[in-house]
C-alpha atoms as a PDB file:
ATOM      1  CA  UNK A   1      82.847 118.941 176.037  1.00  0.00           C
ATOM      2  CA  UNK A   2      79.934 116.566 176.607  1.00  0.00           C
ATOM      3  CA  UNK A   3      77.146 115.109 174.401  1.00  0.00           C
ATOM      4  CA  UNK A   4      73.736 116.456 175.099  1.00  0.00           C
ATOM      5  CA  UNK A   5      72.055 115.906 171.732  1.00  0.00           C
ATOM      6  CA  UNK A   6      72.468 113.072 169.231  1.00  0.00           C
ATOM      7  CA  UNK A   7      71.097 113.766 165.650  1.00  0.00           C
ATOM      8  CA  UNK A   8      70.991 110.653 163.585  1.00  0.00           C
ATOM      9  CA  UNK A   9      70.286 110.089 159.922  1.00  0.00           C
ATOM     10  CA  UNK A  10      68.039 107.182 159.179  1.00  0.00           C
ATOM     11  CA  UNK A  11      68.756 105.412 155.713  1.00  0.00           C
ATOM     12  CA  UNK A  12      72.239 104.124 155.576  1.00  0.00           C
ATOM     13  CA  UNK A  13      72.880 105.160 159.345  1.00  0.00           C
ATOM     14  CA  UNK A  14      70.297 104.074 161.905  1.00  0.00           C
ATOM     15  CA  UNK A  15      68.550 101.588 159.703  1.00  0.00           C
ATOM     16  CA  UNK A  16      70.238  98.457 158.556  1.00  0.00           C
ATOM     17  CA  UNK A  17      70.626  97.402 154.818  1.00  0.00           C
ATOM     18  CA  UNK A  18      67.082  95.931 155.092  1.00  0.00           C
ATOM     19  CA  UNK A  19      65.668  99.393 156.195  1.00  0.00           C
ATOM     20  CA  UNK A  20      65.064  98.153 159.819  1.00  0.00           C
ATOM     21  CA  UNK A  21      66.213  99.370 163.179  1.00  0.00           C
ATOM     22  CA  UNK A  22      68.439  96.603 164.750  1.00  0.00           C
ATOM     23  CA  UNK A  23      67.677  95.568 168.378  1.00  0.00           C
ATOM     24  CA  UNK A  24      71.164  96.761 169.340  1.00  0.00           C
ATOM     25  CA  UNK A  25      70.450 100.129 168.120  1.00  0.00           C
ATOM     26  CA  UNK A  26      67.057 100.481 169.391  1.00  0.00           C
ATOM     27  CA  UNK A  27      68.291  99.249 172.865  1.00  0.00           C
ATOM     28  CA  UNK A  28      71.086 101.914 172.711  1.00  0.00           C
ATOM     29  CA  UNK A  29      68.673 104.614 172.026  1.00  0.00           C
ATOM     30  CA  UNK A  30      66.330 103.700 174.767  1.00  0.00           C
ATOM     31  CA  UNK A  31      69.368 103.569 177.198  1.00  0.00           C
ATOM     32  CA  UNK A  32      69.571 107.433 176.557  1.00  0.00           C
ATOM     33  CA  UNK A  33      66.149 107.681 178.478  1.00  0.00           C
ATOM     34  CA  UNK A  34      68.144 107.227 181.586  1.00  0.00           C
ATOM     35  CA  UNK A  35      70.520 110.061 180.915  1.00  0.00           C
ATOM     36  CA  UNK A  36      70.262 113.802 180.039  1.00  0.00           C
ATOM     37  CA  UNK A  37      71.148 113.038 176.361  1.00  0.00           C
ATOM     38  CA  UNK A  38      68.372 113.714 173.820  1.00  0.00           C
ATOM     39  CA  UNK A  39      68.082 111.674 170.695  1.00  0.00           C
ATOM     40  CA  UNK A  40      66.758 113.279 167.484  1.00  0.00           C
ATOM     41  CA  UNK A  41      66.137 111.931 164.057  1.00  0.00           C
ATOM     42  CA  UNK A  42      67.401 114.012 161.103  1.00  0.00           C
ATOM     43  CA  UNK A  43      66.158 112.326 157.914  1.00  0.00           C
ATOM     44  CA  UNK A  44      65.136 112.899 154.362  1.00  0.00           C
ATOM     45  CA  UNK A  45      61.904 110.934 154.926  1.00  0.00           C
ATOM     46  CA  UNK A  46      58.499 112.493 155.656  1.00  0.00           C
ATOM     47  CA  UNK A  47      57.341 112.721 159.301  1.00  0.00           C
ATOM     48  CA  UNK A  48      54.704 110.017 158.997  1.00  0.00           C
ATOM     49  CA  UNK A  49      57.289 107.497 157.467  1.00  0.00           C
ATOM     50  CA  UNK A  50      59.985 108.220 160.000  1.00  0.00           C
ATOM     51  CA  UNK A  51      57.706 108.128 163.018  1.00  0.00           C
ATOM     52  CA  UNK A  52      56.192 104.878 161.997  1.00  0.00           C
ATOM     53  CA  UNK A  53      59.558 103.272 161.994  1.00  0.00           C
ATOM     54  CA  UNK A  54      60.750 104.786 165.251  1.00  0.00           C
ATOM     55  CA  UNK A  55      57.551 103.872 167.130  1.00  0.00           C
ATOM     56  CA  UNK A  56      57.591 100.362 165.792  1.00  0.00           C
ATOM     57  CA  UNK A  57      60.801 100.177 167.899  1.00  0.00           C
ATOM     58  CA  UNK A  58      59.230 101.747 170.902  1.00  0.00           C
ATOM     59  CA  UNK A  59      61.222 105.053 170.381  1.00  0.00           C
ATOM     60  CA  UNK A  60      59.705 108.463 171.030  1.00  0.00           C
ATOM     61  CA  UNK A  61      61.668 111.334 169.846  1.00  0.00           C
ATOM     62  CA  UNK A  62      61.688 114.676 167.874  1.00  0.00           C
ATOM     63  CA  UNK A  63      62.232 114.765 164.222  1.00  0.00           C
ATOM     64  CA  UNK A  64      63.904 116.982 161.504  1.00  0.00           C
ATOM     65  CA  UNK A  65      62.329 115.609 158.272  1.00  0.00           C
ATOM     66  CA  UNK A  66      62.258 116.236 154.593  1.00  0.00           C
ATOM     67  CA  UNK A  67      66.252 117.152 154.870  1.00  0.00           C
ATOM     68  CA  UNK A  68      65.380 119.992 157.190  1.00  0.00           C
ATOM     69  CA  UNK A  69      62.173 121.334 155.447  1.00  0.00           C
ATOM     70  CA  UNK A  70      59.914 120.275 158.563  1.00  0.00           C
ATOM     71  CA  UNK A  71      60.628 120.106 162.223  1.00  0.00           C
ATOM     72  CA  UNK A  72      58.488 118.318 164.767  1.00  0.00           C
ATOM     73  CA  UNK A  73      58.561 117.913 168.700  1.00  0.00           C
ATOM     74  CA  UNK A  74      58.093 114.683 170.605  1.00  0.00           C
ATOM     75  CA  UNK A  75      54.366 115.228 170.708  1.00  0.00           C
ATOM     76  CA  UNK A  76      54.255 115.495 166.849  1.00  0.00           C
ATOM     77  CA  UNK A  77      53.672 119.386 166.958  1.00  0.00           C
ATOM     78  CA  UNK A  78      55.086 121.104 163.785  1.00  0.00           C
ATOM     79  CA  UNK A  79      57.679 123.532 165.007  1.00  0.00           C
ATOM     80  CA  UNK A  80      58.856 124.853 161.551  1.00  0.00           C
ATOM     81  CA  UNK A  81      58.321 124.298 157.921  1.00  0.00           C
ATOM     82  CA  UNK A  82      60.291 125.707 154.815  1.00  0.00           C
ATOM     83  CA  UNK A  83      58.549 124.681 151.760  1.00  0.00           C
ATOM     84  CA  UNK A  84      59.676 125.173 148.100  1.00  0.00           C
ATOM     85  CA  UNK A  85      58.647 128.242 146.498  1.00  0.00           C
ATOM     86  CA  UNK A  86      56.517 128.349 143.175  1.00  0.00           C
ATOM     87  CA  UNK A  87      59.538 129.434 141.435  1.00  0.00           C
ATOM     88  CA  UNK A  88      61.557 126.557 142.841  1.00  0.00           C
ATOM     89  CA  UNK A  89      58.921 124.104 141.794  1.00  0.00           C
ATOM     90  CA  UNK A  90      58.825 125.537 138.163  1.00  0.00           C
ATOM     91  CA  UNK A  91      62.561 125.469 137.852  1.00  0.00           C
ATOM     92  CA  UNK A  92      62.765 121.760 139.191  1.00  0.00           C
ATOM     93  CA  UNK A  93      60.000 120.561 136.941  1.00  0.00           C
ATOM     94  CA  UNK A  94      61.513 122.244 133.890  1.00  0.00           C
ATOM     95  CA  UNK A  95      64.900 120.692 134.353  1.00  0.00           C
ATOM     96  CA  UNK A  96      63.630 117.175 135.309  1.00  0.00           C
ATOM     97  CA  UNK A  97      61.330 117.218 132.295  1.00  0.00           C
ATOM     98  CA  UNK A  98      64.165 118.130 129.962  1.00  0.00           C
ATOM     99  CA  UNK A  99      66.346 115.473 131.407  1.00  0.00           C
ATOM    100  CA  UNK A 100      63.544 112.916 131.111  1.00  0.00           C
ATOM    101  CA  UNK A 101      63.638 112.115 134.989  1.00  0.00           C
ATOM    102  CA  UNK A 102      60.666 111.153 137.008  1.00  0.00           C
ATOM    103  CA  UNK A 103      59.652 113.061 140.091  1.00  0.00           C
ATOM    104  CA  UNK A 104      58.575 112.147 143.514  1.00  0.00           C
ATOM    105  CA  UNK A 105      56.820 115.037 145.042  1.00  0.00           C
ATOM    106  CA  UNK A 106      56.525 115.237 148.916  1.00  0.00           C
ATOM    107  CA  UNK A 107      53.956 117.540 150.201  1.00  0.00           C
ATOM    108  CA  UNK A 108      51.978 118.480 153.291  1.00  0.00           C
ATOM    109  CA  UNK A 109      49.349 115.770 152.435  1.00  0.00           C
ATOM    110  CA  UNK A 110      51.435 112.815 151.058  1.00  0.00           C
ATOM    111  CA  UNK A 111      53.578 111.747 148.342  1.00  0.00           C
ATOM    112  CA  UNK A 112      53.006 112.052 144.555  1.00  0.00           C
ATOM    113  CA  UNK A 113      54.918 110.602 141.832  1.00  0.00           C
ATOM    114  CA  UNK A 114      55.120 111.019 137.970  1.00  0.00           C
ATOM    115  CA  UNK A 115      56.752 107.624 137.617  1.00  0.00           C
ATOM    116  CA  UNK A 116      54.938 104.651 136.007  1.00  0.00           C
ATOM    117  CA  UNK A 117      53.710 102.216 138.675  1.00  0.00           C
ATOM    118  CA  UNK A 118      55.896  99.296 137.653  1.00  0.00           C
ATOM    119  CA  UNK A 119      59.009 101.531 137.387  1.00  0.00           C
ATOM    120  CA  UNK A 120      58.146 102.832 140.950  1.00  0.00           C
ATOM    121  CA  UNK A 121      57.852  99.392 142.306  1.00  0.00           C
ATOM    122  CA  UNK A 122      61.364  98.538 140.901  1.00  0.00           C
ATOM    123  CA  UNK A 123      62.702 101.789 142.500  1.00  0.00           C
ATOM    124  CA  UNK A 124      61.232 100.695 145.894  1.00  0.00           C
ATOM    125  CA  UNK A 125      62.818  97.201 145.616  1.00  0.00           C
ATOM    126  CA  UNK A 126      66.208  99.023 145.257  1.00  0.00           C
ATOM    127  CA  UNK A 127      65.408 101.537 148.174  1.00  0.00           C
ATOM    128  CA  UNK A 128      64.336  98.771 150.441  1.00  0.00           C
ATOM    129  CA  UNK A 129      67.460  96.833 149.448  1.00  0.00           C
ATOM    130  CA  UNK A 130      69.471  99.789 150.933  1.00  0.00           C
ATOM    131  CA  UNK A 131      69.937 101.619 147.757  1.00  0.00           C
ATOM    132  CA  UNK A 132      71.972  98.817 146.423  1.00  0.00           C
ATOM    133  CA  UNK A 133      70.083  98.134 143.393  1.00  0.00           C
ATOM    134  CA  UNK A 134      67.023  95.742 142.620  1.00  0.00           C
ATOM    135  CA  UNK A 135      67.733  92.492 144.328  1.00  0.00           C
ATOM    136  CA  UNK A 136      68.046  89.381 142.225  1.00  0.00           C
ATOM    137  CA  UNK A 137      65.477  87.429 144.272  1.00  0.00           C
ATOM    138  CA  UNK A 138      62.291  89.372 145.628  1.00  0.00           C
ATOM    139  CA  UNK A 139      61.092  87.837 148.846  1.00  0.00           C
ATOM    140  CA  UNK A 140      57.551  88.014 149.818  1.00  0.00           C
ATOM    141  CA  UNK A 141      58.422  90.428 152.579  1.00  0.00           C
ATOM    142  CA  UNK A 142      60.057  92.757 150.197  1.00  0.00           C
ATOM    143  CA  UNK A 143      57.216  92.653 147.728  1.00  0.00           C
ATOM    144  CA  UNK A 144      54.756  93.261 150.666  1.00  0.00           C
ATOM    145  CA  UNK A 145      56.745  96.306 151.787  1.00  0.00           C
ATOM    146  CA  UNK A 146      57.027  97.905 148.283  1.00  0.00           C
ATOM    147  CA  UNK A 147      53.312  97.216 147.756  1.00  0.00           C
ATOM    148  CA  UNK A 148      52.515  99.038 151.202  1.00  0.00           C
ATOM    149  CA  UNK A 149      54.474 101.965 150.115  1.00  0.00           C
ATOM    150  CA  UNK A 150      52.906 102.214 146.784  1.00  0.00           C
ATOM    151  CA  UNK A 151      49.388 102.407 148.405  1.00  0.00           C
ATOM    152  CA  UNK A 152      50.551 105.767 150.113  1.00  0.00           C
ATOM    153  CA  UNK A 153      51.550 107.303 146.787  1.00  0.00           C
ATOM    154  CA  UNK A 154      49.391 109.131 144.308  1.00  0.00           C
ATOM    155  CA  UNK A 155      50.298 108.715 140.634  1.00  0.00           C
ATOM    156  CA  UNK A 156      49.981 111.914 138.464  1.00  0.00           C
ATOM    157  CA  UNK A 157      51.093 112.992 135.019  1.00  0.00           C
ATOM    158  CA  UNK A 158      52.783 116.358 136.136  1.00  0.00           C
ATOM    159  CA  UNK A 159      52.985 118.934 138.938  1.00  0.00           C
ATOM    160  CA  UNK A 160      50.013 120.645 137.451  1.00  0.00           C
ATOM    161  CA  UNK A 161      47.814 117.765 138.762  1.00  0.00           C
ATOM    162  CA  UNK A 162      48.612 118.476 142.316  1.00  0.00           C
ATOM    163  CA  UNK A 163      45.509 119.682 144.480  1.00  0.00           C
ATOM    164  CA  UNK A 164      45.644 123.497 144.812  1.00  0.00           C
ATOM    165  CA  UNK A 165      46.114 123.418 148.678  1.00  0.00           C
ATOM    166  CA  UNK A 166      49.190 121.295 148.537  1.00  0.00           C
ATOM    167  CA  UNK A 167      52.408 122.616 150.063  1.00  0.00           C
ATOM    168  CA  UNK A 168      55.629 121.062 148.309  1.00  0.00           C
ATOM    169  CA  UNK A 169      58.608 120.582 150.575  1.00  0.00           C
ATOM    170  CA  UNK A 170      60.747 118.361 148.606  1.00  0.00           C
ATOM    171  CA  UNK A 171      61.093 116.925 145.068  1.00  0.00           C
ATOM    172  CA  UNK A 172      63.269 113.858 144.323  1.00  0.00           C
ATOM    173  CA  UNK A 173      64.127 111.711 141.280  1.00  0.00           C
ATOM    174  CA  UNK A 174      65.097 108.152 142.056  1.00  0.00           C
ATOM    175  CA  UNK A 175      66.684 105.230 140.181  1.00  0.00           C
ATOM    176  CA  UNK A 176      68.773 107.235 137.937  1.00  0.00           C
ATOM    177  CA  UNK A 177      72.438 106.483 136.901  1.00  0.00           C
ATOM    178  CA  UNK A 178      75.153 108.094 139.250  1.00  0.00           C
ATOM    179  CA  UNK A 179      76.549 110.037 136.291  1.00  0.00           C
ATOM    180  CA  UNK A 180      73.045 111.477 135.630  1.00  0.00           C
ATOM    181  CA  UNK A 181      72.812 112.422 139.229  1.00  0.00           C
ATOM    182  CA  UNK A 182      76.068 114.306 138.848  1.00  0.00           C
ATOM    183  CA  UNK A 183      74.846 116.011 135.737  1.00  0.00           C
ATOM    184  CA  UNK A 184      71.592 117.213 137.488  1.00  0.00           C
ATOM    185  CA  UNK A 185      73.603 118.330 140.572  1.00  0.00           C
ATOM    186  CA  UNK A 186      75.639 120.623 138.148  1.00  0.00           C
ATOM    187  CA  UNK A 187      72.493 121.934 136.589  1.00  0.00           C
ATOM    188  CA  UNK A 188      70.986 122.854 139.824  1.00  0.00           C
ATOM    189  CA  UNK A 189      74.122 124.417 141.142  1.00  0.00           C
ATOM    190  CA  UNK A 190      72.952 127.406 138.932  1.00  0.00           C
ATOM    191  CA  UNK A 191      70.037 127.879 141.241  1.00  0.00           C
ATOM    192  CA  UNK A 192      71.416 129.302 144.579  1.00  0.00           C
ATOM    193  CA  UNK A 193      67.892 129.220 146.241  1.00  0.00           C
ATOM    194  CA  UNK A 194      67.800 125.420 145.943  1.00  0.00           C
ATOM    195  CA  UNK A 195      69.749 122.749 147.671  1.00  0.00           C
ATOM    196  CA  UNK A 196      70.564 119.459 145.870  1.00  0.00           C
ATOM    197  CA  UNK A 197      71.749 116.312 147.687  1.00  0.00           C
ATOM    198  CA  UNK A 198      71.425 112.612 147.491  1.00  0.00           C
ATOM    199  CA  UNK A 199      70.677 109.765 150.060  1.00  0.00           C
ATOM    200  CA  UNK A 200      71.934 107.168 147.637  1.00  0.00           C
ATOM    201  CA  UNK A 201      74.379 107.329 144.490  1.00  0.00           C
ATOM    202  CA  UNK A 202      71.206 106.935 142.392  1.00  0.00           C
ATOM    203  CA  UNK A 203      68.878 109.657 143.614  1.00  0.00           C
ATOM    204  CA  UNK A 204      68.684 113.424 143.700  1.00  0.00           C
ATOM    205  CA  UNK A 205      66.699 115.350 146.200  1.00  0.00           C
ATOM    206  CA  UNK A 206      65.790 119.140 145.944  1.00  0.00           C
ATOM    207  CA  UNK A 207      64.675 121.318 148.864  1.00  0.00           C
ATOM    208  CA  UNK A 208      64.660 125.028 149.573  1.00  0.00           C
ATOM    209  CA  UNK A 209      68.190 126.143 150.172  1.00  0.00           C
ATOM    210  CA  UNK A 210      67.238 127.145 153.658  1.00  0.00           C
ATOM    211  CA  UNK A 211      65.814 123.590 154.228  1.00  0.00           C
ATOM    212  CA  UNK A 212      68.973 121.627 155.071  1.00  0.00           C
ATOM    213  CA  UNK A 213      69.605 119.340 158.003  1.00  0.00           C
ATOM    214  CA  UNK A 214      72.592 121.333 159.410  1.00  0.00           C
ATOM    215  CA  UNK A 215      70.554 124.648 159.453  1.00  0.00           C
ATOM    216  CA  UNK A 216      67.572 122.960 161.029  1.00  0.00           C
ATOM    217  CA  UNK A 217      69.797 121.146 163.561  1.00  0.00           C
ATOM    218  CA  UNK A 218      71.423 124.440 164.510  1.00  0.00           C
ATOM    219  CA  UNK A 219      68.077 126.009 165.123  1.00  0.00           C
ATOM    220  CA  UNK A 220      66.845 123.006 167.070  1.00  0.00           C
ATOM    221  CA  UNK A 221      69.918 123.039 169.319  1.00  0.00           C
ATOM    222  CA  UNK A 222      69.559 126.676 169.852  1.00  0.00           C
ATOM    223  CA  UNK A 223      65.958 126.442 170.803  1.00  0.00           C
ATOM    224  CA  UNK A 224      66.861 123.839 173.407  1.00  0.00           C
ATOM    225  CA  UNK A 225      69.874 125.873 174.789  1.00  0.00           C
ATOM    226  CA  UNK A 226      72.403 123.250 173.751  1.00  0.00           C
ATOM    227  CA  UNK A 227      75.630 124.339 172.498  1.00  0.00           C
ATOM    228  CA  UNK A 228      76.541 123.003 169.141  1.00  0.00           C
ATOM    229  CA  UNK A 229      79.851 121.699 170.786  1.00  0.00           C
ATOM    230  CA  UNK A 230      77.640 119.274 172.628  1.00  0.00           C
ATOM    231  CA  UNK A 231      75.871 117.937 169.612  1.00  0.00           C
ATOM    232  CA  UNK A 232      76.823 114.571 168.029  1.00  0.00           C
ATOM    233  CA  UNK A 233      75.647 113.707 164.414  1.00  0.00           C
ATOM    234  CA  UNK A 234      75.716 110.510 162.579  1.00  0.00           C
ATOM    235  CA  UNK A 235      75.338 110.236 158.848  1.00  0.00           C
ATOM    236  CA  UNK A 236      76.407 108.374 155.799  1.00  0.00           C
ATOM    237  CA  UNK A 237      75.526 110.490 152.618  1.00  0.00           C
ATOM    238  CA  UNK A 238      75.848 113.804 151.208  1.00  0.00           C
ATOM    239  CA  UNK A 239      72.352 114.949 152.245  1.00  0.00           C
ATOM    240  CA  UNK A 240      73.981 114.728 155.754  1.00  0.00           C
ATOM    241  CA  UNK A 241      77.027 116.990 154.734  1.00  0.00           C
ATOM    242  CA  UNK A 242      75.436 120.218 156.151  1.00  0.00           C
ATOM    243  CA  UNK A 243      75.662 118.623 159.582  1.00  0.00           C
ATOM    244  CA  UNK A 244      79.347 117.656 159.176  1.00  0.00           C
ATOM    245  CA  UNK A 245      80.746 121.042 159.815  1.00  0.00           C
ATOM    246  CA  UNK A 246      83.217 122.270 162.568  1.00  0.00           C
ATOM    247  CA  UNK A 247      80.499 123.774 164.370  1.00  0.00           C
ATOM    248  CA  UNK A 248      79.232 120.545 165.669  1.00  0.00           C
ATOM    249  CA  UNK A 249      81.368 118.971 168.294  1.00  0.00           C
ATOM    250  CA  UNK A 250      80.886 115.414 167.564  1.00  0.00           C
ATOM    251  CA  UNK A 251      80.604 114.503 163.853  1.00  0.00           C
ATOM    252  CA  UNK A 252      80.489 110.726 163.278  1.00  0.00           C
ATOM    253  CA  UNK A 253      80.676 108.963 159.918  1.00  0.00           C
ATOM    254  CA  UNK A 254      79.349 105.522 159.290  1.00  0.00           C
ATOM    255  CA  UNK A 255      81.943 103.006 157.911  1.00  0.00           C
ATOM    256  CA  UNK A 256      79.640 102.764 154.974  1.00  0.00           C
ATOM    257  CA  UNK A 257      79.642 106.421 154.347  1.00  0.00           C
ATOM    258  CA  UNK A 258      80.366 108.479 151.161  1.00  0.00           C
ATOM    259  CA  UNK A 259      83.859 109.652 150.920  1.00  0.00           C
ATOM    260  CA  UNK A 260      82.729 113.294 151.563  1.00  0.00           C
ATOM    261  CA  UNK A 261      81.236 112.362 154.919  1.00  0.00           C
ATOM    262  CA  UNK A 262      84.225 110.263 155.975  1.00  0.00           C
ATOM    263  CA  UNK A 263      86.433 113.132 154.973  1.00  0.00           C
ATOM    264  CA  UNK A 264      84.454 115.779 157.017  1.00  0.00           C
ATOM    265  CA  UNK A 265      83.974 113.618 160.198  1.00  0.00           C
ATOM    266  CA  UNK A 266      85.976 114.169 163.279  1.00  0.00           C
ATOM    267  CA  UNK A 267      85.025 110.552 164.428  1.00  0.00           C
ATOM    268  CA  UNK A 268      83.920 107.357 162.978  1.00  0.00           C
ATOM    269  CA  UNK A 269      81.810 104.226 163.792  1.00  0.00           C
ATOM    270  CA  UNK A 270      80.934 101.045 162.373  1.00  0.00           C
ATOM    271  CA  UNK A 271      78.496 100.500 159.282  1.00  0.00           C
ATOM    272  CA  UNK A 272      74.721 100.368 159.509  1.00  0.00           C
ATOM    273  CA  UNK A 273      75.093  96.660 158.936  1.00  0.00           C
ATOM    274  CA  UNK A 274      77.157  96.365 162.200  1.00  0.00           C
ATOM    275  CA  UNK A 275      75.035  98.502 164.483  1.00  0.00           C
ATOM    276  CA  UNK A 276      77.177 101.449 163.998  1.00  0.00           C
ATOM    277  CA  UNK A 277      74.763 103.762 165.810  1.00  0.00           C
ATOM    278  CA  UNK A 278      74.919 101.611 168.846  1.00  0.00           C
ATOM    279  CA  UNK A 279      78.619 101.401 168.731  1.00  0.00           C
ATOM    280  CA  UNK A 280      79.008 105.136 168.678  1.00  0.00           C
ATOM    281  CA  UNK A 281      76.580 105.675 171.574  1.00  0.00           C
ATOM    282  CA  UNK A 282      78.524 103.123 173.757  1.00  0.00           C
ATOM    283  CA  UNK A 283      81.801 104.610 172.617  1.00  0.00           C
ATOM    284  CA  UNK A 284      81.296 108.302 172.770  1.00  0.00           C
ATOM    285  CA  UNK A 285      78.423 108.779 175.355  1.00  0.00           C
ATOM    286  CA  UNK A 286      79.188 105.834 177.612  1.00  0.00           C
ATOM    287  CA  UNK A 287      82.932 105.570 176.999  1.00  0.00           C
ATOM    288  CA  UNK A 288      82.709 101.783 176.820  1.00  0.00           C
END
């Protein structure tokens, strides 16, 4: 059993706590260019966001984005998309409204939010701090990064304000208490055509049930003619759990992973603050 495809999550996995790719991780991925091993991003982020980060590190690859709702090849060609249905969107909006939870709506043309701007900035500070809560001291760099992301968001009152031609792939609520996340997941478990997961303990993400990372990764590997036994996955949170099944030969949990990921993994690596992706590539691909 060899490794022919590596599928890596981004936040909490490939990216360090400052939401950057370390030099060690970038070097390890570029090292794969001289082998027969393909590197693939498998993220909850949208394509534009994920590609910008990877290209800034000089890395060209394919992408499974929006937790499996959209798949792109190395040239940026859209291979597959699985949007939320109108019924899905209606159910999500009703429950979030009843629970007084703001929504981030990821669509074919960008990101919309029903949150107030000051609240969204606080959420971004926490997100850019690795999901570890709003930092006590806001650096100029962190503030600039948050403001830049705000510029790519459109603020709306409700989903009814979306343009008619928008296709919705994913709806999230962020910056909520972990116990509220658990409550919402319990509510959404009554809707079998929806998949609910989290990137951080303080968020919940909803996609079409068919739009999950593991499902998309299986289809991608099949398209490439790569046996699942030859696929390595790296992840840390429960939105990666669909990739941590016995079907995949190399399931690698980060040291900072949620218990559900650590328990499901066959292998383990260092944390995202310790270049865990680079360590796993060196250990399991190059046997160093």
